[in-house]
PDB file of N, CA and C in Angstrom:
ATOM      1  N   MET A   1      13.905 109.474  63.130  1.00  0.00           N
ATOM      2  CA  MET A   1      13.991 110.313  64.303  1.00  0.00           C
ATOM      3  C   MET A   1      14.222 109.422  65.524  1.00  0.00           C
ATOM      4  N   THR A   2      14.997 109.915  66.467  1.00  0.00           N
ATOM      5  CA  THR A   2      15.278 109.140  67.679  1.00  0.00           C
ATOM      6  C   THR A   2      14.512 109.711  68.860  1.00  0.00           C
ATOM      7  N   ASP A   3      14.488 108.934  69.935  1.00  0.00           N
ATOM      8  CA  ASP A   3      13.772 109.384  71.132  1.00  0.00           C
ATOM      9  C   ASP A   3      14.622 110.297  72.004  1.00  0.00           C
ATOM     10  N   GLY A   4      15.853 110.561  71.619  1.00  0.00           N
ATOM     11  CA  GLY A   4      16.709 111.479  72.362  1.00  0.00           C
ATOM     12  C   GLY A   4      17.516 110.825  73.463  1.00  0.00           C
ATOM     13  N   SER A   5      17.332 109.527  73.660  1.00  0.00           N
ATOM     14  CA  SER A   5      18.094 108.862  74.718  1.00  0.00           C
ATOM     15  C   SER A   5      19.485 108.494  74.204  1.00  0.00           C
ATOM     16  N   ILE A   6      20.385 108.365  75.140  1.00  0.00           N
ATOM     17  CA  ILE A   6      21.746 107.970  74.790  1.00  0.00           C
ATOM     18  C   ILE A   6      22.118 106.741  75.613  1.00  0.00           C
ATOM     19  N   ARG A   7      23.077 105.999  75.114  1.00  0.00           N
ATOM     20  CA  ARG A   7      23.563 104.824  75.834  1.00  0.00           C
ATOM     21  C   ARG A   7      25.019 105.082  76.198  1.00  0.00           C
ATOM     22  N   VAL A   8      25.315 104.973  77.469  1.00  0.00           N
ATOM     23  CA  VAL A   8      26.675 105.190  77.961  1.00  0.00           C
ATOM     24  C   VAL A   8      27.233 103.847  78.410  1.00  0.00           C
ATOM     25  N   ARG A   9      28.394 103.514  77.884  1.00  0.00           N
ATOM     26  CA  ARG A   9      29.064 102.279  78.309  1.00  0.00           C
ATOM     27  C   ARG A   9      30.160 102.674  79.297  1.00  0.00           C
ATOM     28  N   ILE A  10      29.866 102.486  80.568  1.00  0.00           N
ATOM     29  CA  ILE A  10      30.770 102.915  81.636  1.00  0.00           C
ATOM     30  C   ILE A  10      32.116 102.210  81.522  1.00  0.00           C
ATOM     31  N   ALA A  11      32.094 100.928  81.209  1.00  0.00           N
ATOM     32  CA  ALA A  11      33.354 100.184  81.073  1.00  0.00           C
ATOM     33  C   ALA A  11      34.208 100.774  79.949  1.00  0.00           C
ATOM     34  N   ALA A  12      33.557 101.203  78.872  1.00  0.00           N
ATOM     35  CA  ALA A  12      34.304 101.807  77.760  1.00  0.00           C
ATOM     36  C   ALA A  12      34.907 103.146  78.180  1.00  0.00           C
ATOM     37  N   LEU A  13      34.171 103.920  78.978  1.00  0.00           N
ATOM     38  CA  LEU A  13      34.720 105.177  79.491  1.00  0.00           C
ATOM     39  C   LEU A  13      35.945 104.911  80.360  1.00  0.00           C
ATOM     40  N   ARG A  14      35.838 103.925  81.225  1.00  0.00           N
ATOM     41  CA  ARG A  14      36.974 103.591  82.102  1.00  0.00           C
ATOM     42  C   ARG A  14      38.165 103.071  81.290  1.00  0.00           C
ATOM     43  N   ARG A  15      37.893 102.266  80.282  1.00  0.00           N
ATOM     44  CA  ARG A  15      38.964 101.757  79.419  1.00  0.00           C
ATOM     45  C   ARG A  15      39.649 102.912  78.683  1.00  0.00           C
ATOM     46  N   ALA A  16      38.852 103.834  78.154  1.00  0.00           N
ATOM     47  CA  ALA A  16      39.423 104.994  77.459  1.00  0.00           C
ATOM     48  C   ALA A  16      40.241 105.853  78.416  1.00  0.00           C
ATOM     49  N   ALA A  17      39.777 105.974  79.652  1.00  0.00           N
ATOM     50  CA  ALA A  17      40.531 106.743  80.652  1.00  0.00           C
ATOM     51  C   ALA A  17      41.881 106.091  80.914  1.00  0.00           C
ATOM     52  N   GLY A  18      41.886 104.777  81.052  1.00  0.00           N
ATOM     53  CA  GLY A  18      43.141 104.067  81.285  1.00  0.00           C
ATOM     54  C   GLY A  18      44.104 104.201  80.120  1.00  0.00           C
ATOM     55  N   GLU A  19      43.581 104.062  78.911  1.00  0.00           N
ATOM     56  CA  GLU A  19      44.428 104.208  77.726  1.00  0.00           C
ATOM     57  C   GLU A  19      44.959 105.634  77.613  1.00  0.00           C
ATOM     58  N   SER A  20      44.119 106.601  77.934  1.00  0.00           N
ATOM     59  CA  SER A  20      44.548 108.001  77.880  1.00  0.00           C
ATOM     60  C   SER A  20      45.621 108.291  78.920  1.00  0.00           C
ATOM     61  N   THR A  21      45.509 107.663  80.079  1.00  0.00           N
ATOM     62  CA  THR A  21      46.533 107.841  81.108  1.00  0.00           C
ATOM     63  C   THR A  21      47.876 107.323  80.609  1.00  0.00           C
ATOM     64  N   GLY A  22      47.858 106.163  79.965  1.00  0.00           N
ATOM     65  CA  GLY A  22      49.094 105.618  79.403  1.00  0.00           C
ATOM     66  C   GLY A  22      49.679 106.520  78.336  1.00  0.00           C
ATOM     67  N   THR A  23      48.826 107.045  77.481  1.00  0.00           N
ATOM     68  CA  THR A  23      49.285 107.964  76.440  1.00  0.00           C
ATOM     69  C   THR A  23      49.856 109.227  77.059  1.00  0.00           C
ATOM     70  N   ALA A  24      49.190 109.737  78.074  1.00  0.00           N
ATOM     71  CA  ALA A  24      49.663 110.953  78.746  1.00  0.00           C
ATOM     72  C   ALA A  24      51.052 110.737  79.323  1.00  0.00           C
ATOM     73  N   TYR A  25      51.258 109.591  79.940  1.00  0.00           N
ATOM     74  CA  TYR A  25      52.569 109.299  80.522  1.00  0.00           C
ATOM     75  C   TYR A  25      53.637 109.255  79.430  1.00  0.00           C
ATOM     76  N   ARG A  26      53.328 108.549  78.347  1.00  0.00           N
ATOM     77  CA  ARG A  26      54.315 108.446  77.264  1.00  0.00           C
ATOM     78  C   ARG A  26      54.622 109.808  76.652  1.00  0.00           C
ATOM     79  N   LEU A  27      53.606 110.645  76.509  1.00  0.00           N
ATOM     80  CA  LEU A  27      53.840 111.984  75.957  1.00  0.00           C
ATOM     81  C   LEU A  27      54.658 112.837  76.906  1.00  0.00           C
ATOM     82  N   GLY A  28      54.299 112.790  78.174  1.00  0.00           N
ATOM     83  CA  GLY A  28      54.952 113.655  79.153  1.00  0.00           C
ATOM     84  C   GLY A  28      56.316 113.192  79.591  1.00  0.00           C
ATOM     85  N   GLN A  29      56.537 111.890  79.593  1.00  0.00           N
ATOM     86  CA  GLN A  29      57.788 111.353  80.112  1.00  0.00           C
ATOM     87  C   GLN A  29      58.660 110.702  79.049  1.00  0.00           C
ATOM     88  N   GLY A  30      58.035 110.101  78.076  1.00  0.00           N
ATOM     89  CA  GLY A  30      58.784 109.322  77.104  1.00  0.00           C
ATOM     90  C   GLY A  30      59.912 110.074  76.437  1.00  0.00           C
ATOM     91  N   LEU A  31      59.601 111.132  75.751  1.00  0.00           N
ATOM     92  CA  LEU A  31      60.622 111.899  75.052  1.00  0.00           C
ATOM     93  C   LEU A  31      61.420 112.749  76.020  1.00  0.00           C
ATOM     94  N   GLY A  32      60.779 113.207  77.075  1.00  0.00           N
ATOM     95  CA  GLY A  32      61.474 114.030  78.057  1.00  0.00           C
ATOM     96  C   GLY A  32      62.608 113.289  78.738  1.00  0.00           C
ATOM     97  N   ALA A  33      62.520 111.971  78.766  1.00  0.00           N
ATOM     98  CA  ALA A  33      63.571 111.170  79.394  1.00  0.00           C
ATOM     99  C   ALA A  33      64.706 110.860  78.425  1.00  0.00           C
ATOM    100  N   THR A  34      64.642 111.428  77.224  1.00  0.00           N
ATOM    101  CA  THR A  34      65.661 111.170  76.208  1.00  0.00           C
ATOM    102  C   THR A  34      66.314 112.484  75.799  1.00  0.00           C
ATOM    103  N   PRO A  35      67.245 112.962  76.596  1.00  0.00           N
ATOM    104  CA  PRO A  35      67.894 114.226  76.239  1.00  0.00           C
ATOM    105  C   PRO A  35      68.832 114.045  75.047  1.00  0.00           C
ATOM    106  N   GLY A  36      69.086 115.131  74.381  1.00  0.00           N
ATOM    107  CA  GLY A  36      70.060 115.110  73.293  1.00  0.00           C
ATOM    108  C   GLY A  36      69.600 114.384  72.051  1.00  0.00           C
ATOM    109  N   LEU A  37      68.352 114.578  71.672  1.00  0.00           N
ATOM    110  CA  LEU A  37      67.872 113.934  70.456  1.00  0.00           C
ATOM    111  C   LEU A  37      68.516 114.525  69.208  1.00  0.00           C
ATOM    112  N   VAL A  38      68.953 115.760  69.314  1.00  0.00           N
ATOM    113  CA  VAL A  38      69.573 116.427  68.169  1.00  0.00           C
ATOM    114  C   VAL A  38      71.049 116.045  68.116  1.00  0.00           C
ATOM    115  N   VAL A  39      71.463 115.607  66.957  1.00  0.00           N
ATOM    116  CA  VAL A  39      72.876 115.270  66.758  1.00  0.00           C
ATOM    117  C   VAL A  39      73.660 116.568  66.652  1.00  0.00           C
ATOM    118  N   THR A  40      74.731 116.649  67.415  1.00  0.00           N
ATOM    119  CA  THR A  40      75.543 117.862  67.348  1.00  0.00           C
ATOM    120  C   THR A  40      76.364 117.845  66.070  1.00  0.00           C
ATOM    121  N   ALA A  41      76.455 118.975  65.478  1.00  0.00           N
ATOM    122  CA  ALA A  41      77.235 119.138  64.252  1.00  0.00           C
ATOM    123  C   ALA A  41      78.050 120.412  64.408  1.00  0.00           C
ATOM    124  N   PRO A  42      79.204 120.302  65.056  1.00  0.00           N
ATOM    125  CA  PRO A  42      80.016 121.490  65.310  1.00  0.00           C
ATOM    126  C   PRO A  42      80.254 122.304  64.034  1.00  0.00           C
ATOM    127  N   GLY A  43      80.066 123.590  64.187  1.00  0.00           N
ATOM    128  CA  GLY A  43      80.297 124.483  63.064  1.00  0.00           C
ATOM    129  C   GLY A  43      79.087 124.693  62.171  1.00  0.00           C
ATOM    130  N   TRP A  44      78.087 123.902  62.323  1.00  0.00           N
ATOM    131  CA  TRP A  44      76.898 124.062  61.493  1.00  0.00           C
ATOM    132  C   TRP A  44      76.017 125.158  62.087  1.00  0.00           C
ATOM    133  N   ALA A  45      75.470 125.969  61.230  1.00  0.00           N
ATOM    134  CA  ALA A  45      74.594 127.051  61.689  1.00  0.00           C
ATOM    135  C   ALA A  45      73.274 126.508  62.231  1.00  0.00           C
ATOM    136  N   THR A  46      72.921 125.314  61.837  1.00  0.00           N
ATOM    137  CA  THR A  46      71.632 124.757  62.260  1.00  0.00           C
ATOM    138  C   THR A  46      71.662 124.142  63.652  1.00  0.00           C
ATOM    139  N   THR A  47      72.839 123.930  64.214  1.00  0.00           N
ATOM    140  CA  THR A  47      72.938 123.250  65.506  1.00  0.00           C
ATOM    141  C   THR A  47      72.132 123.958  66.587  1.00  0.00           C
ATOM    142  N   ALA A  48      72.295 125.253  66.730  1.00  0.00           N
ATOM    143  CA  ALA A  48      71.557 126.006  67.757  1.00  0.00           C
ATOM    144  C   ALA A  48      70.059 125.993  67.471  1.00  0.00           C
ATOM    145  N   ALA A  49      69.696 126.153  66.202  1.00  0.00           N
ATOM    146  CA  ALA A  49      68.274 126.149  65.845  1.00  0.00           C
ATOM    147  C   ALA A  49      67.649 124.793  66.150  1.00  0.00           C
ATOM    148  N   LEU A  50      68.359 123.723  65.857  1.00  0.00           N
ATOM    149  CA  LEU A  50      67.834 122.389  66.139  1.00  0.00           C
ATOM    150  C   LEU A  50      67.684 122.155  67.639  1.00  0.00           C
ATOM    151  N   ALA A  51      68.596 122.685  68.422  1.00  0.00           N
ATOM    152  CA  ALA A  51      68.487 122.559  69.879  1.00  0.00           C
ATOM    153  C   ALA A  51      67.239 123.278  70.379  1.00  0.00           C
ATOM    154  N   HIS A  52      66.921 124.432  69.786  1.00  0.00           N
ATOM    155  CA  HIS A  52      65.700 125.160  70.166  1.00  0.00           C
ATOM    156  C   HIS A  52      64.453 124.368  69.761  1.00  0.00           C
ATOM    157  N   VAL A  53      64.503 123.772  68.575  1.00  0.00           N
ATOM    158  CA  VAL A  53      63.370 122.962  68.120  1.00  0.00           C
ATOM    159  C   VAL A  53      63.171 121.772  69.060  1.00  0.00           C
ATOM    160  N   GLU A  54      64.266 121.121  69.425  1.00  0.00           N
ATOM    161  CA  GLU A  54      64.185 119.979  70.343  1.00  0.00           C
ATOM    162  C   GLU A  54      63.552 120.393  71.669  1.00  0.00           C
ATOM    163  N   ALA A  55      63.993 121.510  72.213  1.00  0.00           N
ATOM    164  CA  ALA A  55      63.442 121.994  73.483  1.00  0.00           C
ATOM    165  C   ALA A  55      61.953 122.304  73.343  1.00  0.00           C
ATOM    166  N   ALA A  56      61.580 122.906  72.215  1.00  0.00           N
ATOM    167  CA  ALA A  56      60.170 123.233  71.986  1.00  0.00           C
ATOM    168  C   ALA A  56      59.326 121.962  71.873  1.00  0.00           C
ATOM    169  N   VAL A  57      59.858 120.946  71.212  1.00  0.00           N
ATOM    170  CA  VAL A  57      59.132 119.679  71.085  1.00  0.00           C
ATOM    171  C   VAL A  57      58.944 119.051  72.463  1.00  0.00           C
ATOM    172  N   HIS A  58      59.994 119.038  73.271  1.00  0.00           N
ATOM    173  CA  HIS A  58      59.885 118.497  74.632  1.00  0.00           C
ATOM    174  C   HIS A  58      58.805 119.234  75.423  1.00  0.00           C
ATOM    175  N   ARG A  59      58.824 120.566  75.361  1.00  0.00           N
ATOM    176  CA  ARG A  59      57.824 121.362  76.095  1.00  0.00           C
ATOM    177  C   ARG A  59      56.413 121.064  75.595  1.00  0.00           C
ATOM    178  N   SER A  60      56.263 121.031  74.284  1.00  0.00           N
ATOM    179  CA  SER A  60      54.936 120.797  73.704  1.00  0.00           C
ATOM    180  C   SER A  60      54.393 119.426  74.079  1.00  0.00           C
ATOM    181  N   LEU A  61      55.244 118.412  74.035  1.00  0.00           N
ATOM    182  CA  LEU A  61      54.787 117.071  74.390  1.00  0.00           C
ATOM    183  C   LEU A  61      54.446 116.966  75.870  1.00  0.00           C
ATOM    184  N   THR A  62      55.186 117.684  76.698  1.00  0.00           N
ATOM    185  CA  THR A  62      54.880 117.695  78.127  1.00  0.00           C
ATOM    186  C   THR A  62      53.518 118.339  78.370  1.00  0.00           C
ATOM    187  N   VAL A  63      53.254 119.460  77.696  1.00  0.00           N
ATOM    188  CA  VAL A  63      51.949 120.129  77.821  1.00  0.00           C
ATOM    189  C   VAL A  63      50.842 119.212  77.304  1.00  0.00           C
ATOM    190  N   LEU A  64      51.068 118.597  76.155  1.00  0.00           N
ATOM    191  CA  LEU A  64      50.073 117.692  75.584  1.00  0.00           C
ATOM    192  C   LEU A  64      49.822 116.506  76.509  1.00  0.00           C
ATOM    193  N   GLY A  65      50.885 115.999  77.118  1.00  0.00           N
ATOM    194  CA  GLY A  65      50.724 114.912  78.084  1.00  0.00           C
ATOM    195  C   GLY A  65      49.866 115.335  79.261  1.00  0.00           C
ATOM    196  N   GLY A  66      50.075 116.546  79.753  1.00  0.00           N
ATOM    197  CA  GLY A  66      49.264 117.059  80.857  1.00  0.00           C
ATOM    198  C   GLY A  66      47.803 117.202  80.470  1.00  0.00           C
ATOM    199  N   ARG A  67      47.560 117.685  79.277  1.00  0.00           N
ATOM    200  CA  ARG A  67      46.171 117.839  78.817  1.00  0.00           C
ATOM    201  C   ARG A  67      45.506 116.478  78.624  1.00  0.00           C
ATOM    202  N   THR A  68      46.278 115.525  78.129  1.00  0.00           N
ATOM    203  CA  THR A  68      45.739 114.178  77.951  1.00  0.00           C
ATOM    204  C   THR A  68      45.418 113.550  79.305  1.00  0.00           C
ATOM    205  N   ALA A  69      46.264 113.792  80.297  1.00  0.00           N
ATOM    206  CA  ALA A  69      45.994 113.302  81.657  1.00  0.00           C
ATOM    207  C   ALA A  69      44.724 113.943  82.207  1.00  0.00           C
ATOM    208  N   ASP A  70      44.535 115.227  81.945  1.00  0.00           N
ATOM    209  CA  ASP A  70      43.309 115.909  82.384  1.00  0.00           C
ATOM    210  C   ASP A  70      42.079 115.279  81.728  1.00  0.00           C
ATOM    211  N   THR A  71      42.205 114.940  80.446  1.00  0.00           N
ATOM    212  CA  THR A  71      41.100 114.296  79.734  1.00  0.00           C
ATOM    213  C   THR A  71      40.800 112.930  80.338  1.00  0.00           C
ATOM    214  N   ALA A  72      41.848 112.185  80.672  1.00  0.00           N
ATOM    215  CA  ALA A  72      41.653 110.876  81.313  1.00  0.00           C
ATOM    216  C   ALA A  72      40.911 111.037  82.635  1.00  0.00           C
ATOM    217  N   ASP A  73      41.286 112.034  83.412  1.00  0.00           N
ATOM    218  CA  ASP A  73      40.595 112.299  84.683  1.00  0.00           C
ATOM    219  C   ASP A  73      39.123 112.637  84.450  1.00  0.00           C
ATOM    220  N   ALA A  74      38.855 113.433  83.421  1.00  0.00           N
ATOM    221  CA  ALA A  74      37.469 113.802  83.106  1.00  0.00           C
ATOM    222  C   ALA A  74      36.664 112.568  82.690  1.00  0.00           C
ATOM    223  N   LEU A  75      37.274 111.675  81.932  1.00  0.00           N
ATOM    224  CA  LEU A  75      36.585 110.441  81.547  1.00  0.00           C
ATOM    225  C   LEU A  75      36.259 109.593  82.775  1.00  0.00           C
ATOM    226  N   ARG A  76      37.205 109.506  83.702  1.00  0.00           N
ATOM    227  CA  ARG A  76      36.972 108.752  84.940  1.00  0.00           C
ATOM    228  C   ARG A  76      35.840 109.372  85.755  1.00  0.00           C
ATOM    229  N   ARG A  77      35.873 110.699  85.874  1.00  0.00           N
ATOM    230  CA  ARG A  77      34.801 111.383  86.621  1.00  0.00           C
ATOM    231  C   ARG A  77      33.445 111.160  85.948  1.00  0.00           C
ATOM    232  N   SER A  78      33.418 111.175  84.625  1.00  0.00           N
ATOM    233  CA  SER A  78      32.166 110.921  83.903  1.00  0.00           C
ATOM    234  C   SER A  78      31.658 109.516  84.187  1.00  0.00           C
ATOM    235  N   ALA A  79      32.560 108.545  84.119  1.00  0.00           N
ATOM    236  CA  ALA A  79      32.162 107.161  84.408  1.00  0.00           C
ATOM    237  C   ALA A  79      31.628 107.049  85.831  1.00  0.00           C
ATOM    238  N   ASP A  80      32.315 107.682  86.775  1.00  0.00           N
ATOM    239  CA  ASP A  80      31.855 107.665  88.170  1.00  0.00           C
ATOM    240  C   ASP A  80      30.467 108.287  88.293  1.00  0.00           C
ATOM    241  N   GLY A  81      30.260 109.405  87.607  1.00  0.00           N
ATOM    242  CA  GLY A  81      28.972 110.092  87.665  1.00  0.00           C
ATOM    243  C   GLY A  81      27.846 109.263  87.071  1.00  0.00           C
ATOM    244  N   TYR A  82      28.100 108.646  85.911  1.00  0.00           N
ATOM    245  CA  TYR A  82      27.076 107.798  85.296  1.00  0.00           C
ATOM    246  C   TYR A  82      26.777 106.585  86.172  1.00  0.00           C
ATOM    247  N   GLU A  83      27.820 106.007  86.755  1.00  0.00           N
ATOM    248  CA  GLU A  83      27.622 104.853  87.622  1.00  0.00           C
ATOM    249  C   GLU A  83      26.804 105.232  88.859  1.00  0.00           C
ATOM    250  N   ALA A  84      27.105 106.374  89.440  1.00  0.00           N
ATOM    251  CA  ALA A  84      26.352 106.841  90.607  1.00  0.00           C
ATOM    252  C   ALA A  84      24.890 107.093  90.241  1.00  0.00           C
ATOM    253  N   ALA A  85      24.658 107.673  89.062  1.00  0.00           N
ATOM    254  CA  ALA A  85      23.281 107.926  88.619  1.00  0.00           C
ATOM    255  C   ALA A  85      22.538 106.607  88.412  1.00  0.00           C
ATOM    256  N   ASP A  86      23.221 105.622  87.828  1.00  0.00           N
ATOM    257  CA  ASP A  86      22.598 104.306  87.647  1.00  0.00           C
ATOM    258  C   ASP A  86      22.251 103.679  88.996  1.00  0.00           C
ATOM    259  N   ASP A  87      23.164 103.799  89.950  1.00  0.00           N
ATOM    260  CA  ASP A  87      22.917 103.238  91.287  1.00  0.00           C
ATOM    261  C   ASP A  87      21.718 103.911  91.954  1.00  0.00           C
ATOM    262  N   ARG A  88      21.643 105.230  91.827  1.00  0.00           N
ATOM    263  CA  ARG A  88      20.501 105.954  92.419  1.00  0.00           C
ATOM    264  C   ARG A  88      19.193 105.513  91.761  1.00  0.00           C
ATOM    265  N   ALA A  89      19.215 105.389  90.443  1.00  0.00           N
ATOM    266  CA  ALA A  89      18.007 104.967  89.728  1.00  0.00           C
ATOM    267  C   ALA A  89      17.609 103.549  90.133  1.00  0.00           C
ATOM    268  N   ALA A  90      18.586 102.672  90.291  1.00  0.00           N
ATOM    269  CA  ALA A  90      18.285 101.292  90.694  1.00  0.00           C
ATOM    270  C   ALA A  90      17.674 101.260  92.095  1.00  0.00           C
ATOM    271  N   ARG A  91      18.190 102.086  93.001  1.00  0.00           N
ATOM    272  CA  ARG A  91      17.623 102.138  94.359  1.00  0.00           C
ATOM    273  C   ARG A  91      16.185 102.660  94.326  1.00  0.00           C
ATOM    274  N   ARG A  92      15.944 103.670  93.490  1.00  0.00           N
ATOM    275  CA  ARG A  92      14.572 104.199  93.382  1.00  0.00           C
ATOM    276  C   ARG A  92      13.636 103.133  92.817  1.00  0.00           C
ATOM    277  N   MET A  93      14.105 102.433  91.793  1.00  0.00           N
ATOM    278  CA  MET A  93      13.271 101.395  91.179  1.00  0.00           C
ATOM    279  C   MET A  93      13.004 100.256  92.164  1.00  0.00           C
ATOM    280  N   ALA A  94      13.991  99.912  92.963  1.00  0.00           N
ATOM    281  CA  ALA A  94      13.809  98.848  93.956  1.00  0.00           C
ATOM    282  C   ALA A  94      12.771  99.262  94.997  1.00  0.00           C
ATOM    283  N   GLY A  95      12.722 100.542  95.295  1.00  0.00           N
ATOM    284  CA  GLY A  95      11.757 101.051  96.269  1.00  0.00           C
ATOM    285  C   GLY A  95      10.341 101.052  95.736  1.00  0.00           C
ATOM    286  N   ILE A  96      10.187 101.105  94.425  1.00  0.00           N
ATOM    287  CA  ILE A  96       8.854 101.132  93.815  1.00  0.00           C
ATOM    288  C   ILE A  96       8.217  99.752  93.861  1.00  0.00           C
ATOM    289  N   GLY A  97       9.035  98.708  93.607  1.00  0.00           N
ATOM    290  CA  GLY A  97       8.514  97.337  93.499  1.00  0.00           C
ATOM    291  C   GLY A  97       8.091  96.822  94.791  1.00  0.00           C
TER     292      GLY A  97
END
């Protein structure tokens, strides 16, 4: 059984936020900056369907990139909050001594 306490590594939260920001950018911009991923095949019935799939993939990755960016922001806010709580606790402890 544990005492219920948790250990938060603020630096790890900030590192994860930074990595998530990079991932978000690559998801949102990486493929979106590459138009025409589908090879055109004149006369093929699949050409139009593949163009729709390509557009859907671009949209989905852009949405996923936005959500990943939101997660990165939440991680940063969490790190800020934990750091602020640690600072407040340290000030209180300094006042006791």
